[in-house]
Each structure stands twice: as structure tokens, then as C-alpha cells.
PDB file of N, CA and C in Angstrom:
ATOM      1  N   MET A   1     -19.787  30.725-171.830  1.00  0.00           N
ATOM      2  CA  MET A   1     -19.316  31.344-172.909  1.00  0.00           C
ATOM      3  C   MET A   1     -18.667  32.689-172.578  1.00  0.00           C
ATOM      4  N   VAL A   2     -17.586  32.989-173.415  1.00  0.00           N
ATOM      5  CA  VAL A   2     -16.724  34.091-173.055  1.00  0.00           C
ATOM      6  C   VAL A   2     -17.110  35.042-174.295  1.00  0.00           C
ATOM      7  N   ARG A   3     -17.767  36.292-173.779  1.00  0.00           N
ATOM      8  CA  ARG A   3     -17.872  37.023-175.005  1.00  0.00           C
ATOM      9  C   ARG A   3     -16.432  38.021-175.689  1.00  0.00           C
ATOM     10  N   LEU A   4     -16.230  37.987-176.799  1.00  0.00           N
ATOM     11  CA  LEU A   4     -15.289  38.342-177.223  1.00  0.00           C
ATOM     12  C   LEU A   4     -15.305  40.253-177.371  1.00  0.00           C
ATOM     13  N   PRO A   5     -14.288  41.112-176.940  1.00  0.00           N
ATOM     14  CA  PRO A   5     -14.327  42.343-176.865  1.00  0.00           C
ATOM     15  C   PRO A   5     -14.847  42.854-178.529  1.00  0.00           C
ATOM     16  N   LEU A   6     -15.561  44.055-178.415  1.00  0.00           N
ATOM     17  CA  LEU A   6     -16.016  44.431-179.523  1.00  0.00           C
ATOM     18  C   LEU A   6     -14.821  44.875-180.386  1.00  0.00           C
ATOM     19  N   THR A   7     -14.711  44.882-181.566  1.00  0.00           N
ATOM     20  CA  THR A   7     -13.832  45.487-182.428  1.00  0.00           C
ATOM     21  C   THR A   7     -13.926  46.955-182.589  1.00  0.00           C
ATOM     22  N   ALA A   8     -13.022  47.774-183.238  1.00  0.00           N
ATOM     23  CA  ALA A   8     -12.976  48.975-183.340  1.00  0.00           C
ATOM     24  C   ALA A   8     -14.154  49.524-184.373  1.00  0.00           C
ATOM     25  N   GLU A   9     -14.357  48.651-185.220  1.00  0.00           N
ATOM     26  CA  GLU A   9     -15.562  48.741-186.210  1.00  0.00           C
ATOM     27  C   GLU A   9     -16.714  48.657-185.374  1.00  0.00           C
ATOM     28  N   GLN A  10     -17.078  47.745-184.734  1.00  0.00           N
ATOM     29  CA  GLN A  10     -18.344  47.548-184.118  1.00  0.00           C
ATOM     30  C   GLN A  10     -18.479  48.822-183.189  1.00  0.00           C
ATOM     31  N   LEU A  11     -17.321  49.482-182.169  1.00  0.00           N
ATOM     32  CA  LEU A  11     -17.853  50.645-181.522  1.00  0.00           C
ATOM     33  C   LEU A  11     -18.084  51.579-182.310  1.00  0.00           C
ATOM     34  N   ALA A  12     -17.268  51.824-183.508  1.00  0.00           N
ATOM     35  CA  ALA A  12     -17.484  52.986-184.314  1.00  0.00           C
ATOM     36  C   ALA A  12     -19.028  52.916-185.047  1.00  0.00           C
ATOM     37  N   ALA A  13     -19.486  51.593-185.168  1.00  0.00           N
ATOM     38  CA  ALA A  13     -20.882  51.515-185.708  1.00  0.00           C
ATOM     39  C   ALA A  13     -21.808  51.856-184.531  1.00  0.00           C
ATOM     40  N   GLY A  14     -21.613  51.267-183.481  1.00  0.00           N
ATOM     41  CA  GLY A  14     -22.256  51.967-182.279  1.00  0.00           C
ATOM     42  C   GLY A  14     -22.666  53.273-182.103  1.00  0.00           C
ATOM     43  N   LYS A  15     -21.505  53.989-182.109  1.00  0.00           N
ATOM     44  CA  LYS A  15     -21.635  55.687-181.946  1.00  0.00           C
ATOM     45  C   LYS A  15     -22.329  56.201-183.098  1.00  0.00           C
ATOM     46  N   ARG A  16     -22.265  55.386-184.280  1.00  0.00           N
ATOM     47  CA  ARG A  16     -23.229  56.167-185.604  1.00  0.00           C
ATOM     48  C   ARG A  16     -24.385  55.814-185.039  1.00  0.00           C
ATOM     49  N   LEU A  17     -24.628  54.775-184.934  1.00  0.00           N
ATOM     50  CA  LEU A  17     -26.094  54.448-184.609  1.00  0.00           C
ATOM     51  C   LEU A  17     -26.890  55.270-183.269  1.00  0.00           C
ATOM     52  N   GLY A  18     -26.056  55.341-182.322  1.00  0.00           N
ATOM     53  CA  GLY A  18     -26.371  56.439-181.258  1.00  0.00           C
ATOM     54  C   GLY A  18     -26.501  57.795-181.793  1.00  0.00           C
ATOM     55  N   MET A  19     -25.799  58.349-182.761  1.00  0.00           N
ATOM     56  CA  MET A  19     -25.647  59.508-183.058  1.00  0.00           C
ATOM     57  C   MET A  19     -27.154  59.616-183.859  1.00  0.00           C
ATOM     58  N   LEU A  20     -27.479  58.683-184.844  1.00  0.00           N
ATOM     59  CA  LEU A  20     -28.790  58.936-185.504  1.00  0.00           C
ATOM     60  C   LEU A  20     -29.836  58.861-184.594  1.00  0.00           C
ATOM     61  N   LEU A  21     -29.944  58.081-183.491  1.00  0.00           N
ATOM     62  CA  LEU A  21     -31.033  57.864-182.690  1.00  0.00           C
ATOM     63  C   LEU A  21     -31.198  59.091-181.925  1.00  0.00           C
ATOM     64  N   ARG A  22     -30.140  59.654-181.489  1.00  0.00           N
ATOM     65  CA  ARG A  22     -30.352  60.927-180.812  1.00  0.00           C
ATOM     66  C   ARG A  22     -31.043  62.061-181.812  1.00  0.00           C
ATOM     67  N   GLU A  23     -30.479  62.377-183.116  1.00  0.00           N
ATOM     68  CA  GLU A  23     -31.038  63.229-183.817  1.00  0.00           C
ATOM     69  C   GLU A  23     -32.396  63.108-184.158  1.00  0.00           C
ATOM     70  N   ALA A  24     -32.901  61.322-184.554  1.00  0.00           N
ATOM     71  CA  ALA A  24     -34.101  61.310-184.773  1.00  0.00           C
ATOM     72  C   ALA A  24     -35.066  61.638-183.523  1.00  0.00           C
ATOM     73  N   ARG A  25     -34.492  61.401-182.248  1.00  0.00           N
ATOM     74  CA  ARG A  25     -35.399  61.768-181.071  1.00  0.00           C
ATOM     75  C   ARG A  25     -35.788  63.125-181.280  1.00  0.00           C
ATOM     76  N   GLY A  26     -34.921  64.028-181.914  1.00  0.00           N
ATOM     77  CA  GLY A  26     -35.206  65.560-181.926  1.00  0.00           C
ATOM     78  C   GLY A  26     -35.441  66.295-180.394  1.00  0.00           C
ATOM     79  N   THR A  27     -36.801  66.781-180.210  1.00  0.00           N
ATOM     80  CA  THR A  27     -37.144  67.322-178.889  1.00  0.00           C
ATOM     81  C   THR A  27     -37.576  66.621-177.950  1.00  0.00           C
ATOM     82  N   ARG A  28     -37.993  65.370-178.304  1.00  0.00           N
ATOM     83  CA  ARG A  28     -38.541  64.281-177.389  1.00  0.00           C
ATOM     84  C   ARG A  28     -37.770  63.924-176.196  1.00  0.00           C
ATOM     85  N   THR A  29     -37.958  64.000-175.055  1.00  0.00           N
ATOM     86  CA  THR A  29     -37.132  63.693-174.146  1.00  0.00           C
ATOM     87  C   THR A  29     -36.763  62.203-174.328  1.00  0.00           C
ATOM     88  N   LEU A  30     -35.541  61.540-173.623  1.00  0.00           N
ATOM     89  CA  LEU A  30     -35.290  60.425-173.736  1.00  0.00           C
ATOM     90  C   LEU A  30     -36.165  59.353-173.174  1.00  0.00           C
ATOM     91  N   ALA A  31     -36.647  59.915-171.925  1.00  0.00           N
ATOM     92  CA  ALA A  31     -37.497  59.050-171.252  1.00  0.00           C
ATOM     93  C   ALA A  31     -39.043  58.873-171.886  1.00  0.00           C
ATOM     94  N   GLU A  32     -39.513  59.863-173.012  1.00  0.00           N
ATOM     95  CA  GLU A  32     -40.327  59.651-173.568  1.00  0.00           C
ATOM     96  C   GLU A  32     -40.203  58.567-174.590  1.00  0.00           C
ATOM     97  N   VAL A  33     -39.336  58.754-175.401  1.00  0.00           N
ATOM     98  CA  VAL A  33     -39.026  57.548-176.112  1.00  0.00           C
ATOM     99  C   VAL A  33     -38.665  56.288-175.805  1.00  0.00           C
ATOM    100  N   ALA A  34     -37.985  56.330-174.795  1.00  0.00           N
ATOM    101  CA  ALA A  34     -37.877  54.955-174.153  1.00  0.00           C
ATOM    102  C   ALA A  34     -39.104  54.301-173.678  1.00  0.00           C
ATOM    103  N   HIS A  35     -39.976  55.032-172.971  1.00  0.00           N
ATOM    104  CA  HIS A  35     -41.130  54.529-172.602  1.00  0.00           C
ATOM    105  C   HIS A  35     -41.817  53.925-173.866  1.00  0.00           C
ATOM    106  N   ALA A  36     -42.030  54.652-174.940  1.00  0.00           N
ATOM    107  CA  ALA A  36     -42.698  54.327-176.201  1.00  0.00           C
ATOM    108  C   ALA A  36     -42.183  53.063-176.729  1.00  0.00           C
ATOM    109  N   ALA A  37     -41.089  53.032-176.696  1.00  0.00           N
ATOM    110  CA  ALA A  37     -40.295  51.860-177.292  1.00  0.00           C
ATOM    111  C   ALA A  37     -39.926  50.522-176.091  1.00  0.00           C
ATOM    112  N   ALA A  38     -40.612  50.953-175.205  1.00  0.00           N
ATOM    113  CA  ALA A  38     -40.742  49.855-173.980  1.00  0.00           C
ATOM    114  C   ALA A  38     -39.343  49.360-173.576  1.00  0.00           C
ATOM    115  N   ILE A  39     -38.427  50.153-173.512  1.00  0.00           N
ATOM    116  CA  ILE A  39     -36.907  50.001-173.021  1.00  0.00           C
ATOM    117  C   ILE A  39     -37.020  50.956-172.075  1.00  0.00           C
ATOM    118  N   SER A  40     -35.641  50.831-171.088  1.00  0.00           N
ATOM    119  CA  SER A  40     -35.313  51.475-169.947  1.00  0.00           C
ATOM    120  C   SER A  40     -34.849  52.803-170.510  1.00  0.00           C
ATOM    121  N   PRO A  41     -34.930  54.132-169.896  1.00  0.00           N
ATOM    122  CA  PRO A  41     -34.125  55.193-170.403  1.00  0.00           C
ATOM    123  C   PRO A  41     -32.685  54.923-170.010  1.00  0.00           C
ATOM    124  N   GLU A  42     -32.124  54.038-169.355  1.00  0.00           N
ATOM    125  CA  GLU A  42     -30.807  53.845-169.140  1.00  0.00           C
ATOM    126  C   GLU A  42     -30.226  53.014-170.302  1.00  0.00           C
ATOM    127  N   THR A  43     -31.149  52.343-170.827  1.00  0.00           N
ATOM    128  CA  THR A  43     -30.614  51.375-172.239  1.00  0.00           C
ATOM    129  C   THR A  43     -30.418  52.341-173.251  1.00  0.00           C
ATOM    130  N   LEU A  44     -31.510  53.340-173.593  1.00  0.00           N
ATOM    131  CA  LEU A  44     -31.646  54.400-174.660  1.00  0.00           C
ATOM    132  C   LEU A  44     -30.449  55.185-174.437  1.00  0.00           C
ATOM    133  N   ARG A  45     -30.007  55.425-173.046  1.00  0.00           N
ATOM    134  CA  ARG A  45     -28.907  56.601-172.864  1.00  0.00           C
ATOM    135  C   ARG A  45     -27.663  55.790-173.233  1.00  0.00           C
ATOM    136  N   LYS A  46     -27.640  54.349-173.203  1.00  0.00           N
ATOM    137  CA  LYS A  46     -26.185  53.888-173.316  1.00  0.00           C
ATOM    138  C   LYS A  46     -26.096  53.650-174.915  1.00  0.00           C
ATOM    139  N   ILE A  47     -27.007  53.535-175.674  1.00  0.00           N
ATOM    140  CA  ILE A  47     -27.196  53.504-177.002  1.00  0.00           C
ATOM    141  C   ILE A  47     -26.800  54.757-177.478  1.00  0.00           C
ATOM    142  N   GLU A  48     -27.352  55.873-177.068  1.00  0.00           N
ATOM    143  CA  GLU A  48     -27.288  57.106-177.752  1.00  0.00           C
ATOM    144  C   GLU A  48     -25.837  57.374-177.576  1.00  0.00           C
ATOM    145  N   THR A  49     -25.111  57.236-176.445  1.00  0.00           N
ATOM    146  CA  THR A  49     -23.688  57.487-176.027  1.00  0.00           C
ATOM    147  C   THR A  49     -22.724  56.755-176.720  1.00  0.00           C
ATOM    148  N   GLY A  50     -23.160  55.462-177.436  1.00  0.00           N
ATOM    149  CA  GLY A  50     -22.113  54.345-177.798  1.00  0.00           C
ATOM    150  C   GLY A  50     -21.576  53.601-176.632  1.00  0.00           C
ATOM    151  N   ARG A  51     -22.243  53.642-175.518  1.00  0.00           N
ATOM    152  CA  ARG A  51     -21.547  52.616-174.431  1.00  0.00           C
ATOM    153  C   ARG A  51     -22.336  51.255-174.711  1.00  0.00           C
ATOM    154  N   LEU A  52     -23.477  51.165-175.360  1.00  0.00           N
ATOM    155  CA  LEU A  52     -24.047  50.014-175.672  1.00  0.00           C
ATOM    156  C   LEU A  52     -23.981  49.819-177.290  1.00  0.00           C
ATOM    157  N   ALA A  53     -22.862  49.403-177.981  1.00  0.00           N
ATOM    158  CA  ALA A  53     -22.677  49.469-179.159  1.00  0.00           C
ATOM    159  C   ALA A  53     -23.378  48.414-180.088  1.00  0.00           C
ATOM    160  N   THR A  54     -23.844  47.196-179.390  1.00  0.00           N
ATOM    161  CA  THR A  54     -24.581  46.222-180.149  1.00  0.00           C
ATOM    162  C   THR A  54     -25.719  45.868-179.308  1.00  0.00           C
ATOM    163  N   PRO A  55     -26.878  46.855-179.571  1.00  0.00           N
ATOM    164  CA  PRO A  55     -28.041  46.371-178.972  1.00  0.00           C
ATOM    165  C   PRO A  55     -28.729  45.234-179.469  1.00  0.00           C
ATOM    166  N   ALA A  56     -29.727  44.842-178.699  1.00  0.00           N
ATOM    167  CA  ALA A  56     -30.520  43.626-179.432  1.00  0.00           C
ATOM    168  C   ALA A  56     -31.244  44.034-180.454  1.00  0.00           C
ATOM    169  N   PHE A  57     -31.578  43.077-181.501  1.00  0.00           N
ATOM    170  CA  PHE A  57     -32.386  43.466-182.671  1.00  0.00           C
ATOM    171  C   PHE A  57     -33.783  43.978-182.096  1.00  0.00           C
ATOM    172  N   ALA A  58     -34.548  43.445-181.276  1.00  0.00           N
ATOM    173  CA  ALA A  58     -36.002  43.756-180.833  1.00  0.00           C
ATOM    174  C   ALA A  58     -35.755  45.313-180.098  1.00  0.00           C
ATOM    175  N   THR A  59     -34.561  45.658-179.500  1.00  0.00           N
ATOM    176  CA  THR A  59     -34.513  46.975-179.138  1.00  0.00           C
ATOM    177  C   THR A  59     -34.320  48.106-180.245  1.00  0.00           C
ATOM    178  N   VAL A  60     -33.426  47.835-181.386  1.00  0.00           N
ATOM    179  CA  VAL A  60     -33.438  48.453-182.378  1.00  0.00           C
ATOM    180  C   VAL A  60     -34.838  48.750-183.310  1.00  0.00           C
ATOM    181  N   ALA A  61     -35.462  47.479-183.421  1.00  0.00           N
ATOM    182  CA  ALA A  61     -36.736  47.561-184.009  1.00  0.00           C
ATOM    183  C   ALA A  61     -37.780  48.485-183.266  1.00  0.00           C
ATOM    184  N   ALA A  62     -37.783  48.212-182.049  1.00  0.00           N
ATOM    185  CA  ALA A  62     -38.669  49.059-181.108  1.00  0.00           C
ATOM    186  C   ALA A  62     -38.365  50.517-181.232  1.00  0.00           C
ATOM    187  N   LEU A  63     -37.003  50.831-181.210  1.00  0.00           N
ATOM    188  CA  LEU A  63     -36.585  52.457-181.578  1.00  0.00           C
ATOM    189  C   LEU A  63     -37.064  52.723-182.874  1.00  0.00           C
ATOM    190  N   ALA A  64     -37.026  51.774-183.920  1.00  0.00           N
ATOM    191  CA  ALA A  64     -37.303  52.269-185.168  1.00  0.00           C
ATOM    192  C   ALA A  64     -38.862  52.567-185.274  1.00  0.00           C
ATOM    193  N   ARG A  65     -39.662  51.561-184.968  1.00  0.00           N
ATOM    194  CA  ARG A  65     -41.181  51.878-184.746  1.00  0.00           C
ATOM    195  C   ARG A  65     -41.576  53.308-184.098  1.00  0.00           C
ATOM    196  N   VAL A  66     -40.836  53.723-183.083  1.00  0.00           N
ATOM    197  CA  VAL A  66     -41.509  55.211-182.400  1.00  0.00           C
ATOM    198  C   VAL A  66     -40.647  56.400-182.688  1.00  0.00           C
ATOM    199  N   LEU A  67     -39.400  56.137-183.611  1.00  0.00           N
ATOM    200  CA  LEU A  67     -38.862  57.266-184.188  1.00  0.00           C
ATOM    201  C   LEU A  67     -39.053  57.345-185.761  1.00  0.00           C
ATOM    202  N   PRO A  68     -38.911  58.334-186.563  1.00  0.00           N
ATOM    203  CA  PRO A  68     -39.026  58.623-187.850  1.00  0.00           C
ATOM    204  C   PRO A  68     -37.919  57.888-188.417  1.00  0.00           C
ATOM    205  N   LEU A  69     -37.793  56.760-188.333  1.00  0.00           N
ATOM    206  CA  LEU A  69     -36.541  55.798-188.956  1.00  0.00           C
ATOM    207  C   LEU A  69     -37.042  54.403-189.479  1.00  0.00           C
ATOM    208  N   SER A  70     -36.301  54.141-190.560  1.00  0.00           N
ATOM    209  CA  SER A  70     -36.689  52.795-191.072  1.00  0.00           C
ATOM    210  C   SER A  70     -35.479  51.579-190.526  1.00  0.00           C
ATOM    211  N   LEU A  71     -35.900  50.412-190.495  1.00  0.00           N
ATOM    212  CA  LEU A  71     -34.938  49.486-190.166  1.00  0.00           C
ATOM    213  C   LEU A  71     -33.583  49.468-191.148  1.00  0.00           C
ATOM    214  N   ASP A  72     -34.126  49.748-192.468  1.00  0.00           N
ATOM    215  CA  ASP A  72     -33.112  49.729-193.636  1.00  0.00           C
ATOM    216  C   ASP A  72     -32.042  51.110-193.055  1.00  0.00           C
ATOM    217  N   GLU A  73     -32.541  51.981-192.727  1.00  0.00           N
ATOM    218  CA  GLU A  73     -31.771  53.147-192.322  1.00  0.00           C
ATOM    219  C   GLU A  73     -30.663  52.979-191.252  1.00  0.00           C
ATOM    220  N   LEU A  74     -31.400  52.217-190.217  1.00  0.00           N
ATOM    221  CA  LEU A  74     -30.514  51.769-188.968  1.00  0.00           C
ATOM    222  C   LEU A  74     -29.267  51.024-189.486  1.00  0.00           C
ATOM    223  N   ALA A  75     -29.911  49.921-190.518  1.00  0.00           N
ATOM    224  CA  ALA A  75     -28.746  48.923-190.672  1.00  0.00           C
ATOM    225  C   ALA A  75     -27.769  49.450-191.618  1.00  0.00           C
ATOM    226  N   ASP A  76     -28.138  50.681-192.543  1.00  0.00           N
ATOM    227  CA  ASP A  76     -27.187  51.126-193.371  1.00  0.00           C
ATOM    228  C   ASP A  76     -26.169  52.086-192.483  1.00  0.00           C
ATOM    229  N   THR A  77     -26.535  52.660-191.440  1.00  0.00           N
ATOM    230  CA  THR A  77     -25.820  53.223-190.487  1.00  0.00           C
ATOM    231  C   THR A  77     -24.960  52.651-189.708  1.00  0.00           C
ATOM    232  N   CYS A  78     -25.361  51.264-189.385  1.00  0.00           N
ATOM    233  CA  CYS A  78     -24.623  50.474-188.571  1.00  0.00           C
ATOM    234  C   CYS A  78     -23.551  49.728-189.363  1.00  0.00           C
ATOM    235  N   LEU A  79     -23.973  49.391-190.688  1.00  0.00           N
ATOM    236  CA  LEU A  79     -22.952  48.484-191.522  1.00  0.00           C
ATOM    237  C   LEU A  79     -22.129  49.098-192.501  1.00  0.00           C
ATOM    238  N   THR A  80     -22.280  50.107-192.794  1.00  0.00           N
ATOM    239  CA  THR A  80     -21.548  51.092-193.761  1.00  0.00           C
ATOM    240  C   THR A  80     -20.466  51.720-192.978  1.00  0.00           C
ATOM    241  N   PRO A  81     -19.187  51.541-193.238  1.00  0.00           N
ATOM    242  CA  PRO A  81     -18.101  52.375-192.748  1.00  0.00           C
ATOM    243  C   PRO A  81     -18.142  53.757-192.993  1.00  0.00           C
ATOM    244  N   LEU A  82     -17.918  54.627-192.246  1.00  0.00           N
ATOM    245  CA  LEU A  82     -17.928  56.094-192.683  1.00  0.00           C
ATOM    246  C   LEU A  82     -16.824  56.394-193.761  1.00  0.00           C
ATOM    247  N   SER A  83     -15.881  55.699-194.012  1.00  0.00           N
ATOM    248  CA  SER A  83     -14.827  55.737-195.170  1.00  0.00           C
ATOM    249  C   SER A  83     -15.327  55.315-196.443  1.00  0.00           C
ATOM    250  N   LEU A  84     -16.546  54.714-196.540  1.00  0.00           N
ATOM    251  CA  LEU A  84     -17.372  54.217-197.597  1.00  0.00           C
ATOM    252  C   LEU A  84     -18.492  54.997-198.071  1.00  0.00           C
ATOM    253  N   PRO A  85     -18.367  55.439-199.486  1.00  0.00           N
ATOM    254  CA  PRO A  85     -19.659  56.000-199.990  1.00  0.00           C
ATOM    255  C   PRO A  85     -21.029  55.336-199.862  1.00  0.00           C
ATOM    256  N   ARG A  86     -22.053  55.649-199.324  1.00  0.00           N
ATOM    257  CA  ARG A  86     -23.381  54.698-199.380  1.00  0.00           C
ATOM    258  C   ARG A  86     -23.881  54.798-200.786  1.00  0.00           C
ATOM    259  N   THR A  87     -24.535  53.528-200.909  1.00  0.00           N
ATOM    260  CA  THR A  87     -25.267  53.542-202.264  1.00  0.00           C
ATOM    261  C   THR A  87     -26.582  53.295-202.189  1.00  0.00           C
ATOM    262  N   GLY A  88     -27.522  53.402-202.965  1.00  0.00           N
ATOM    263  CA  GLY A  88     -28.770  53.440-203.139  1.00  0.00           C
ATOM    264  C   GLY A  88     -29.458  54.640-202.778  1.00  0.00           C
TER     265      GLY A  88
END
């Protein structure tokens, strides 16, 4: 199976997700959060920098569990283009 290249919208969503996770991490180190979420620090680094724009759901859920974020917040960040106003 060939994986199609990510669209510009998917790449932008990945960058928004990464920024939100980095902000939510606050003063905690990348290694602390990665360990608490049972993922590698390199995976978290790639997500935070937008190099891993479409992480697995289990990874996102684990990060939501250890950071002060809900899955709804993360979904809104990934699914709402910056040019559209958020509702609700």
C-alpha cells in the first residue's frame, strides 16, 4: 500500500496540534511528558515540531491524558482551519 502525501491542510493541522501540545506541556520537560504518556521523546518532539502531522489516535489520547487537554480540544485544533471561527 502506498501512502499518499499529506495535504497542505493536514500539514497545517499537524503544526497547530504540535503548538497546542507544546503550550500545554508548559515547564515540564519533553522527556517527562513522553515518559508519562508511554511514548518516545523523539515521537513527542516530531509531533510538537509538526514533523509527525498525523500521529496515531492512541498517541494523541495518551498525551491528552497526561496534559491538561481534552480530546475535544485536540480534535478542534486539528479539524478547524485557522481561517474559520470556532463554534461552541
